[in-house]
Amino acid sequence: MYREKRSREFYLLAIFFAGFVFFLYGPLSAILILSFQGPNGGLTFPLSGTSLHWFANLLETQAVGDFGGSFRRSLALGLMVMAVTVIVSLLAGLAFRRRFMGSTALFYLTVASLVVPSIIISLGIGVLFQQLGLQPSWYTSAFGAHLTWTLPFGVLIMFAVFNRFSPAYEEAARDLGANSWQTFRHVVLPMIAPSLIGVGLFGFTLSYDEFARTLMTAGTFNTLPLEIYGMTTNVTTPVLYALGTVTTLFSFLVIAGTLGLIVHLNRRRTRT
């Protein structure tokens, strides 16, 4: 009876996972296939031949859309957000290892932005900049808006990391004569480095793909998600699908490279 119940639960879970994979990658596979349309192909099936025409078209000057500029802005913004998210999350994780006055209130204020609708935060920051007489832009107002999204996740991850971190390693280092900086540099940092890389990846991908918090804060120049959204109402060729394929592959390469770096650090730490 127990085995039958376990088997039934396994099959239900397998069906659910299969449905999840289908709804996640089904639309992506359709875009991937349609991006290889022939030169005379349209936005829907069937394929009118196969070619790399629309990928080559990405390198040409477009009547509508600024692929290169929007990608560079999204990349720069993602890297800026990633760096600040890693540094602040690390410092917050270290600070919250000990209780201090106001720590509970500060924690809830930090994560409060996760429950506020993103478009409300975007609208509020955009209105605030206008009231202050400042021009919203991707590197100021959008940068701050993205941090309200990435920092709570980074802080929560580092809290979990330090909750499982044993102080015995630091005590052993101090017993051997290491000062606070040496203990952090040679003991704590190597052990939490994979987690910090994960926080960085999380911060970059959340910023790179963010739409709602960028909508009212990007100013004159669009980031890549805003550019793609604008193209959906103006572009009538499969070049839009080619752009989607390229950006998706870029995201997968970033994830694969980050995971490879984490595996390398874990192996290196194991050998030492």
C-alpha atoms as a PDB file:
ATOM      1  CA  MET A   1       0.000   0.000   0.000  1.00  0.00           C
ATOM      2  CA  TYR A   2       2.814   2.367   0.907  1.00  0.00           C
ATOM      3  CA  ARG A   3       4.670   1.592  -2.322  1.00  0.00           C
ATOM      4  CA  GLU A   4       1.534   2.211  -4.378  1.00  0.00           C
ATOM      5  CA  LYS A   5       1.063   5.586  -2.674  1.00  0.00           C
ATOM      6  CA  ARG A   6       4.699   6.550  -3.313  1.00  0.00           C
ATOM      7  CA  SER A   7       4.375   5.472  -6.945  1.00  0.00           C
ATOM      8  CA  ARG A   8       1.206   7.518  -7.409  1.00  0.00           C
ATOM      9  CA  GLU A   9       2.834  10.585  -5.854  1.00  0.00           C
ATOM     10  CA  PHE A  10       5.857  10.128  -8.105  1.00  0.00           C
ATOM     11  CA  TYR A  11       3.747   9.996 -11.273  1.00  0.00           C
ATOM     12  CA  LEU A  12       1.716  13.046 -10.211  1.00  0.00           C
ATOM     13  CA  LEU A  13       4.915  14.955  -9.576  1.00  0.00           C
ATOM     14  CA  ALA A  14       6.332  13.814 -12.920  1.00  0.00           C
ATOM     15  CA  ILE A  15       3.188  14.987 -14.745  1.00  0.00           C
ATOM     16  CA  PHE A  16       3.303  18.344 -12.979  1.00  0.00           C
ATOM     17  CA  PHE A  17       6.992  18.793 -13.824  1.00  0.00           C
ATOM     18  CA  ALA A  18       6.377  17.834 -17.470  1.00  0.00           C
ATOM     19  CA  GLY A  19       3.600  20.433 -17.677  1.00  0.00           C
ATOM     20  CA  PHE A  20       5.864  23.032 -16.074  1.00  0.00           C
ATOM     21  CA  VAL A  21       8.648  22.335 -18.586  1.00  0.00           C
ATOM     22  CA  PHE A  22       6.173  22.491 -21.486  1.00  0.00           C
ATOM     23  CA  PHE A  23       4.726  25.863 -20.472  1.00  0.00           C
ATOM     24  CA  LEU A  24       8.212  27.229 -19.754  1.00  0.00           C
ATOM     25  CA  TYR A  25      10.072  26.058 -22.853  1.00  0.00           C
ATOM     26  CA  GLY A  26       7.210  25.563 -25.326  1.00  0.00           C
ATOM     27  CA  PRO A  27       6.920  29.284 -26.226  1.00  0.00           C
ATOM     28  CA  LEU A  28      10.722  29.607 -26.263  1.00  0.00           C
ATOM     29  CA  SER A  29      11.046  26.719 -28.705  1.00  0.00           C
ATOM     30  CA  ALA A  30       8.439  28.326 -31.005  1.00  0.00           C
ATOM     31  CA  ILE A  31      10.399  31.593 -31.030  1.00  0.00           C
ATOM     32  CA  LEU A  32      13.636  29.702 -31.619  1.00  0.00           C
ATOM     33  CA  ILE A  33      12.197  27.866 -34.628  1.00  0.00           C
ATOM     34  CA  LEU A  34      10.551  30.938 -36.158  1.00  0.00           C
ATOM     35  CA  SER A  35      13.790  32.927 -35.868  1.00  0.00           C
ATOM     36  CA  PHE A  36      15.198  30.693 -38.639  1.00  0.00           C
ATOM     37  CA  GLN A  37      12.502  31.740 -41.121  1.00  0.00           C
ATOM     38  CA  GLY A  38      13.591  32.293 -44.700  1.00  0.00           C
ATOM     39  CA  PRO A  39      13.994  35.855 -46.077  1.00  0.00           C
ATOM     40  CA  ASN A  40      10.348  35.901 -47.162  1.00  0.00           C
ATOM     41  CA  GLY A  41       9.009  34.321 -43.964  1.00  0.00           C
ATOM     42  CA  GLY A  42       6.483  35.895 -41.626  1.00  0.00           C
ATOM     43  CA  LEU A  43       5.695  35.923 -37.925  1.00  0.00           C
ATOM     44  CA  THR A  44       3.735  32.660 -37.893  1.00  0.00           C
ATOM     45  CA  PHE A  45       4.035  29.082 -39.029  1.00  0.00           C
ATOM     46  CA  PRO A  46       4.594  27.438 -41.469  1.00  0.00           C
ATOM     47  CA  LEU A  47       8.251  28.150 -42.142  1.00  0.00           C
ATOM     48  CA  SER A  48       9.055  29.698 -45.493  1.00  0.00           C
ATOM     49  CA  GLY A  49      12.413  28.009 -45.839  1.00  0.00           C
ATOM     50  CA  THR A  50      15.235  28.207 -43.318  1.00  0.00           C
ATOM     51  CA  SER A  51      18.079  30.687 -43.126  1.00  0.00           C
ATOM     52  CA  LEU A  52      20.142  32.926 -40.835  1.00  0.00           C
ATOM     53  CA  HIS A  53      18.809  36.004 -42.623  1.00  0.00           C
ATOM     54  CA  TRP A  54      17.114  37.551 -39.609  1.00  0.00           C
ATOM     55  CA  PHE A  55      20.145  37.067 -37.370  1.00  0.00           C
ATOM     56  CA  ALA A  56      22.244  38.923 -39.925  1.00  0.00           C
ATOM     57  CA  ASN A  57      19.526  41.575 -40.043  1.00  0.00           C
ATOM     58  CA  LEU A  58      20.159  42.286 -36.362  1.00  0.00           C
ATOM     59  CA  LEU A  59      23.549  43.736 -37.316  1.00  0.00           C
ATOM     60  CA  GLU A  60      22.019  46.174 -39.779  1.00  0.00           C
ATOM     61  CA  THR A  61      20.526  49.588 -39.041  1.00  0.00           C
ATOM     62  CA  GLN A  62      16.879  49.156 -38.161  1.00  0.00           C
ATOM     63  CA  ALA A  63      14.030  51.481 -39.066  1.00  0.00           C
ATOM     64  CA  VAL A  64      12.496  50.680 -35.670  1.00  0.00           C
ATOM     65  CA  GLY A  65      14.443  49.653 -32.589  1.00  0.00           C
ATOM     66  CA  ASP A  66      17.944  50.144 -31.215  1.00  0.00           C
ATOM     67  CA  PHE A  67      19.209  46.629 -30.495  1.00  0.00           C
ATOM     68  CA  GLY A  68      22.830  47.459 -29.745  1.00  0.00           C
ATOM     69  CA  GLY A  69      22.181  50.500 -27.587  1.00  0.00           C
ATOM     70  CA  SER A  70      19.437  48.880 -25.522  1.00  0.00           C
ATOM     71  CA  PHE A  71      21.552  45.768 -24.974  1.00  0.00           C
ATOM     72  CA  ARG A  72      24.544  47.818 -23.813  1.00  0.00           C
ATOM     73  CA  ARG A  73      22.334  49.766 -21.404  1.00  0.00           C
ATOM     74  CA  SER A  74      20.793  46.598 -19.974  1.00  0.00           C
ATOM     75  CA  LEU A  75      24.217  44.979 -19.631  1.00  0.00           C
ATOM     76  CA  ALA A  76      25.744  48.006 -17.899  1.00  0.00           C
ATOM     77  CA  LEU A  77      22.727  48.393 -15.622  1.00  0.00           C
ATOM     78  CA  GLY A  78      22.766  44.685 -14.761  1.00  0.00           C
ATOM     79  CA  LEU A  79      26.471  44.810 -13.860  1.00  0.00           C
ATOM     80  CA  MET A  80      25.970  47.922 -11.703  1.00  0.00           C
ATOM     81  CA  VAL A  81      23.053  46.335  -9.872  1.00  0.00           C
ATOM     82  CA  MET A  82      24.979  43.068  -9.470  1.00  0.00           C
ATOM     83  CA  ALA A  83      27.977  44.780  -7.868  1.00  0.00           C
ATOM     84  CA  VAL A  84      25.914  46.810  -5.389  1.00  0.00           C
ATOM     85  CA  THR A  85      23.676  43.829  -4.568  1.00  0.00           C
ATOM     86  CA  VAL A  86      26.663  41.609  -3.740  1.00  0.00           C
ATOM     87  CA  ILE A  87      28.420  44.218  -1.594  1.00  0.00           C
ATOM     88  CA  VAL A  88      25.338  45.362   0.348  1.00  0.00           C
ATOM     89  CA  SER A  89      24.027  41.808   0.820  1.00  0.00           C
ATOM     90  CA  LEU A  90      27.399  40.687   2.168  1.00  0.00           C
ATOM     91  CA  LEU A  91      27.620  43.619   4.582  1.00  0.00           C
ATOM     92  CA  ALA A  92      24.015  43.066   5.704  1.00  0.00           C
ATOM     93  CA  GLY A  93      24.664  39.369   6.253  1.00  0.00           C
ATOM     94  CA  LEU A  94      27.702  40.162   8.389  1.00  0.00           C
ATOM     95  CA  ALA A  95      25.863  42.875  10.344  1.00  0.00           C
ATOM     96  CA  PHE A  96      22.818  40.731  11.111  1.00  0.00           C
ATOM     97  CA  ARG A  97      24.919  37.932  12.600  1.00  0.00           C
ATOM     98  CA  ARG A  98      24.464  39.825  15.855  1.00  0.00           C
ATOM     99  CA  ARG A  99      21.319  41.418  17.183  1.00  0.00           C
ATOM    100  CA  PHE A 100      21.267  45.208  17.367  1.00  0.00           C
ATOM    101  CA  MET A 101      18.680  47.841  18.134  1.00  0.00           C
ATOM    102  CA  GLY A 102      16.193  48.185  15.310  1.00  0.00           C
ATOM    103  CA  SER A 103      17.391  45.065  13.456  1.00  0.00           C
ATOM    104  CA  THR A 104      13.896  43.576  13.211  1.00  0.00           C
ATOM    105  CA  ALA A 105      12.342  46.760  11.840  1.00  0.00           C
ATOM    106  CA  LEU A 106      15.228  47.207   9.396  1.00  0.00           C
ATOM    107  CA  PHE A 107      14.809  43.641   8.149  1.00  0.00           C
ATOM    108  CA  TYR A 108      11.098  44.053   7.438  1.00  0.00           C
ATOM    109  CA  LEU A 109      11.680  47.416   5.767  1.00  0.00           C
ATOM    110  CA  THR A 110      14.263  45.753   3.521  1.00  0.00           C
ATOM    111  CA  VAL A 111      11.977  42.976   2.319  1.00  0.00           C
ATOM    112  CA  ALA A 112       8.828  45.124   2.199  1.00  0.00           C
ATOM    113  CA  SER A 113       9.444  46.055  -1.446  1.00  0.00           C
ATOM    114  CA  LEU A 114       8.895  42.420  -2.433  1.00  0.00           C
ATOM    115  CA  VAL A 115       5.179  42.688  -1.612  1.00  0.00           C
ATOM    116  CA  VAL A 116       4.644  46.100  -3.213  1.00  0.00           C
ATOM    117  CA  PRO A 117       3.556  45.897  -6.890  1.00  0.00           C
ATOM    118  CA  SER A 118       6.528  46.647  -9.112  1.00  0.00           C
ATOM    119  CA  ILE A 119       4.645  49.119 -11.274  1.00  0.00           C
ATOM    120  CA  ILE A 120       3.740  51.154  -8.170  1.00  0.00           C
ATOM    121  CA  ILE A 121       7.411  51.431  -7.193  1.00  0.00           C
ATOM    122  CA  SER A 122       8.325  52.394 -10.749  1.00  0.00           C
ATOM    123  CA  LEU A 123       5.601  55.034 -10.864  1.00  0.00           C
ATOM    124  CA  GLY A 124       6.528  56.419  -7.447  1.00  0.00           C
ATOM    125  CA  ILE A 125      10.226  56.776  -8.282  1.00  0.00           C
ATOM    126  CA  GLY A 126       9.421  58.350 -11.660  1.00  0.00           C
ATOM    127  CA  VAL A 127       7.064  60.900 -10.068  1.00  0.00           C
ATOM    128  CA  LEU A 128       9.579  61.682  -7.304  1.00  0.00           C
ATOM    129  CA  PHE A 129      12.318  62.448  -9.834  1.00  0.00           C
ATOM    130  CA  GLN A 130       9.993  64.720 -11.774  1.00  0.00           C
ATOM    131  CA  GLN A 131       8.945  66.566  -8.618  1.00  0.00           C
ATOM    132  CA  LEU A 132      12.608  67.090  -7.738  1.00  0.00           C
ATOM    133  CA  GLY A 133      13.266  68.461 -11.213  1.00  0.00           C
ATOM    134  CA  LEU A 134      15.525  65.542 -12.135  1.00  0.00           C
ATOM    135  CA  GLN A 135      15.448  63.704 -15.428  1.00  0.00           C
ATOM    136  CA  PRO A 136      14.765  59.954 -14.962  1.00  0.00           C
ATOM    137  CA  SER A 137      17.353  57.769 -16.660  1.00  0.00           C
ATOM    138  CA  TRP A 138      18.424  54.137 -16.727  1.00  0.00           C
ATOM    139  CA  TYR A 139      21.592  54.791 -14.677  1.00  0.00           C
ATOM    140  CA  THR A 140      19.928  56.778 -11.865  1.00  0.00           C
ATOM    141  CA  SER A 141      16.222  56.243 -11.250  1.00  0.00           C
ATOM    142  CA  ALA A 142      16.065  52.826 -12.951  1.00  0.00           C
ATOM    143  CA  PHE A 143      19.202  51.791 -11.066  1.00  0.00           C
ATOM    144  CA  GLY A 144      17.535  52.600  -7.746  1.00  0.00           C
ATOM    145  CA  ALA A 145      14.293  50.918  -8.795  1.00  0.00           C
ATOM    146  CA  HIS A 146      16.130  47.711  -9.655  1.00  0.00           C
ATOM    147  CA  LEU A 147      17.911  47.696  -6.303  1.00  0.00           C
ATOM    148  CA  THR A 148      14.538  47.681  -4.546  1.00  0.00           C
ATOM    149  CA  TRP A 149      13.975  44.354  -6.316  1.00  0.00           C
ATOM    150  CA  THR A 150      17.391  42.680  -6.088  1.00  0.00           C
ATOM    151  CA  LEU A 151      18.600  43.717  -2.624  1.00  0.00           C
ATOM    152  CA  PRO A 152      15.849  41.934  -0.627  1.00  0.00           C
ATOM    153  CA  PHE A 153      16.610  38.668  -2.432  1.00  0.00           C
ATOM    154  CA  GLY A 154      20.347  39.079  -1.930  1.00  0.00           C
ATOM    155  CA  VAL A 155      19.939  39.896   1.764  1.00  0.00           C
ATOM    156  CA  LEU A 156      17.653  36.899   2.354  1.00  0.00           C
ATOM    157  CA  ILE A 157      20.153  34.585   0.641  1.00  0.00           C
ATOM    158  CA  MET A 158      23.049  35.855   2.754  1.00  0.00           C
ATOM    159  CA  PHE A 159      20.962  35.511   5.919  1.00  0.00           C
ATOM    160  CA  ALA A 160      20.433  31.850   5.068  1.00  0.00           C
ATOM    161  CA  VAL A 161      24.142  31.405   4.325  1.00  0.00           C
ATOM    162  CA  PHE A 162      25.327  32.902   7.613  1.00  0.00           C
ATOM    163  CA  ASN A 163      22.674  31.069   9.619  1.00  0.00           C
ATOM    164  CA  ARG A 164      24.382  27.837   8.549  1.00  0.00           C
ATOM    165  CA  PHE A 165      27.909  29.194   8.951  1.00  0.00           C
ATOM    166  CA  SER A 166      29.698  27.811  11.985  1.00  0.00           C
ATOM    167  CA  PRO A 167      31.654  30.365  14.076  1.00  0.00           C
ATOM    168  CA  ALA A 168      34.093  27.580  14.957  1.00  0.00           C
ATOM    169  CA  TYR A 169      36.080  28.277  11.768  1.00  0.00           C
ATOM    170  CA  GLU A 170      36.619  31.897  12.782  1.00  0.00           C
ATOM    171  CA  GLU A 171      37.490  30.930  16.345  1.00  0.00           C
ATOM    172  CA  ALA A 172      40.092  28.475  15.048  1.00  0.00           C
ATOM    173  CA  ALA A 173      41.630  31.177  12.828  1.00  0.00           C
ATOM    174  CA  ARG A 174      41.823  33.628  15.738  1.00  0.00           C
ATOM    175  CA  ASP A 175      43.405  30.954  17.932  1.00  0.00           C
ATOM    176  CA  LEU A 176      46.117  30.658  15.279  1.00  0.00           C
ATOM    177  CA  GLY A 177      46.817  34.399  15.500  1.00  0.00           C
ATOM    178  CA  ALA A 178      44.733  35.785  12.621  1.00  0.00           C
ATOM    179  CA  ASN A 179      43.170  39.202  13.050  1.00  0.00           C
ATOM    180  CA  SER A 180      39.605  40.057  12.008  1.00  0.00           C
ATOM    181  CA  TRP A 181      40.511  41.014   8.422  1.00  0.00           C
ATOM    182  CA  GLN A 182      42.708  37.924   7.919  1.00  0.00           C
ATOM    183  CA  THR A 183      39.950  35.714   9.299  1.00  0.00           C
ATOM    184  CA  PHE A 184      37.452  37.192   6.882  1.00  0.00           C
ATOM    185  CA  ARG A 185      39.835  37.175   3.899  1.00  0.00           C
ATOM    186  CA  HIS A 186      41.259  33.674   4.281  1.00  0.00           C
ATOM    187  CA  VAL A 187      38.462  31.780   6.066  1.00  0.00           C
ATOM    188  CA  VAL A 188      35.030  33.339   5.698  1.00  0.00           C
ATOM    189  CA  LEU A 189      35.254  34.731   2.161  1.00  0.00           C
ATOM    190  CA  PRO A 190      36.464  31.520   0.449  1.00  0.00           C
ATOM    191  CA  MET A 191      33.681  29.536   2.127  1.00  0.00           C
ATOM    192  CA  ILE A 192      30.879  31.910   1.145  1.00  0.00           C
ATOM    193  CA  ALA A 193      32.295  32.790  -2.302  1.00  0.00           C
ATOM    194  CA  PRO A 194      29.952  30.397  -4.211  1.00  0.00           C
ATOM    195  CA  SER A 195      26.968  31.956  -2.445  1.00  0.00           C
ATOM    196  CA  LEU A 196      28.182  35.458  -3.304  1.00  0.00           C
ATOM    197  CA  ILE A 197      28.489  34.442  -6.950  1.00  0.00           C
ATOM    198  CA  GLY A 198      24.932  33.131  -6.780  1.00  0.00           C
ATOM    199  CA  VAL A 199      23.754  36.462  -5.330  1.00  0.00           C
ATOM    200  CA  GLY A 200      25.565  38.262  -8.141  1.00  0.00           C
ATOM    201  CA  LEU A 201      23.925  36.064 -10.777  1.00  0.00           C
ATOM    202  CA  PHE A 202      20.539  36.603  -9.165  1.00  0.00           C
ATOM    203  CA  GLY A 203      21.021  40.365  -9.082  1.00  0.00           C
ATOM    204  CA  PHE A 204      22.208  40.534 -12.688  1.00  0.00           C
ATOM    205  CA  THR A 205      19.442  38.385 -14.155  1.00  0.00           C
ATOM    206  CA  LEU A 206      16.687  40.129 -12.190  1.00  0.00           C
ATOM    207  CA  SER A 207      17.932  43.510 -13.418  1.00  0.00           C
ATOM    208  CA  TYR A 208      18.662  42.405 -16.993  1.00  0.00           C
ATOM    209  CA  ASP A 209      15.123  41.041 -17.436  1.00  0.00           C
ATOM    210  CA  GLU A 210      13.211  43.617 -15.391  1.00  0.00           C
ATOM    211  CA  PHE A 211      10.376  45.397 -17.176  1.00  0.00           C
ATOM    212  CA  ALA A 212       7.833  46.817 -14.711  1.00  0.00           C
ATOM    213  CA  ARG A 213      10.291  48.687 -12.466  1.00  0.00           C
ATOM    214  CA  THR A 214      12.035  50.102 -15.527  1.00  0.00           C
ATOM    215  CA  LEU A 215       8.913  51.263 -17.359  1.00  0.00           C
ATOM    216  CA  MET A 216       8.528  54.606 -15.570  1.00  0.00           C
ATOM    217  CA  THR A 217      12.157  55.115 -14.556  1.00  0.00           C
ATOM    218  CA  ALA A 218      14.289  54.502 -17.667  1.00  0.00           C
ATOM    219  CA  GLY A 219      13.827  57.958 -19.091  1.00  0.00           C
ATOM    220  CA  THR A 220      14.488  58.638 -22.766  1.00  0.00           C
ATOM    221  CA  PHE A 221      16.601  55.575 -23.580  1.00  0.00           C
ATOM    222  CA  ASN A 222      15.127  52.091 -23.329  1.00  0.00           C
ATOM    223  CA  THR A 223      16.673  49.013 -21.810  1.00  0.00           C
ATOM    224  CA  LEU A 224      16.425  45.759 -23.761  1.00  0.00           C
ATOM    225  CA  PRO A 225      13.115  44.521 -22.233  1.00  0.00           C
ATOM    226  CA  LEU A 226      11.485  47.892 -22.976  1.00  0.00           C
ATOM    227  CA  GLU A 227      12.913  47.878 -26.495  1.00  0.00           C
ATOM    228  CA  ILE A 228      11.562  44.396 -27.191  1.00  0.00           C
ATOM    229  CA  TYR A 229       8.151  45.375 -25.840  1.00  0.00           C
ATOM    230  CA  GLY A 230       8.073  48.455 -28.055  1.00  0.00           C
ATOM    231  CA  MET A 231       9.056  46.367 -31.065  1.00  0.00           C
ATOM    232  CA  THR A 232       6.096  44.032 -30.633  1.00  0.00           C
ATOM    233  CA  THR A 233       3.780  46.816 -31.826  1.00  0.00           C
ATOM    234  CA  ASN A 234       5.984  48.040 -34.688  1.00  0.00           C
ATOM    235  CA  VAL A 235       8.127  45.220 -36.076  1.00  0.00           C
ATOM    236  CA  THR A 236       6.402  42.794 -38.465  1.00  0.00           C
ATOM    237  CA  THR A 237       9.337  40.548 -39.394  1.00  0.00           C
ATOM    238  CA  PRO A 238      11.013  37.571 -37.666  1.00  0.00           C
ATOM    239  CA  VAL A 239      13.913  39.828 -36.667  1.00  0.00           C
ATOM    240  CA  LEU A 240      12.068  40.149 -33.359  1.00  0.00           C
ATOM    241  CA  TYR A 241      12.291  36.370 -32.885  1.00  0.00           C
ATOM    242  CA  ALA A 242      15.978  36.426 -33.793  1.00  0.00           C
ATOM    243  CA  LEU A 243      16.540  39.046 -31.104  1.00  0.00           C
ATOM    244  CA  GLY A 244      14.630  36.915 -28.598  1.00  0.00           C
ATOM    245  CA  THR A 245      16.739  33.872 -29.474  1.00  0.00           C
ATOM    246  CA  VAL A 246      20.019  35.768 -29.114  1.00  0.00           C
ATOM    247  CA  THR A 247      19.075  37.323 -25.772  1.00  0.00           C
ATOM    248  CA  THR A 248      17.840  33.959 -24.436  1.00  0.00           C
ATOM    249  CA  LEU A 249      21.099  32.245 -25.442  1.00  0.00           C
ATOM    250  CA  PHE A 250      23.036  35.069 -23.790  1.00  0.00           C
ATOM    251  CA  SER A 251      21.108  34.508 -20.552  1.00  0.00           C
ATOM    252  CA  PHE A 252      21.821  30.769 -20.675  1.00  0.00           C
ATOM    253  CA  LEU A 253      25.521  31.438 -21.289  1.00  0.00           C
ATOM    254  CA  VAL A 254      25.670  33.752 -18.263  1.00  0.00           C
ATOM    255  CA  ILE A 255      24.006  31.104 -16.090  1.00  0.00           C
ATOM    256  CA  ALA A 256      26.265  28.323 -17.415  1.00  0.00           C
ATOM    257  CA  GLY A 257      29.393  30.428 -16.893  1.00  0.00           C
ATOM    258  CA  THR A 258      28.370  31.285 -13.341  1.00  0.00           C
ATOM    259  CA  LEU A 259      27.611  27.670 -12.463  1.00  0.00           C
ATOM    260  CA  GLY A 260      30.964  26.642 -13.934  1.00  0.00           C
ATOM    261  CA  LEU A 261      32.727  29.219 -11.760  1.00  0.00           C
ATOM    262  CA  ILE A 262      30.900  27.959  -8.666  1.00  0.00           C
ATOM    263  CA  VAL A 263      31.889  24.343  -9.434  1.00  0.00           C
ATOM    264  CA  HIS A 264      35.506  25.441  -9.954  1.00  0.00           C
ATOM    265  CA  LEU A 265      35.586  27.268  -6.611  1.00  0.00           C
ATOM    266  CA  ASN A 266      34.046  24.301  -4.788  1.00  0.00           C
ATOM    267  CA  ARG A 267      36.616  21.911  -6.270  1.00  0.00           C
ATOM    268  CA  ARG A 268      39.442  24.271  -5.442  1.00  0.00           C
ATOM    269  CA  ARG A 269      38.231  24.609  -1.855  1.00  0.00           C
ATOM    270  CA  THR A 270      37.921  20.830  -1.560  1.00  0.00           C
ATOM    271  CA  ARG A 271      41.503  20.310  -2.734  1.00  0.00           C
ATOM    272  CA  THR A 272      42.835  22.833  -0.245  1.00  0.00           C
END
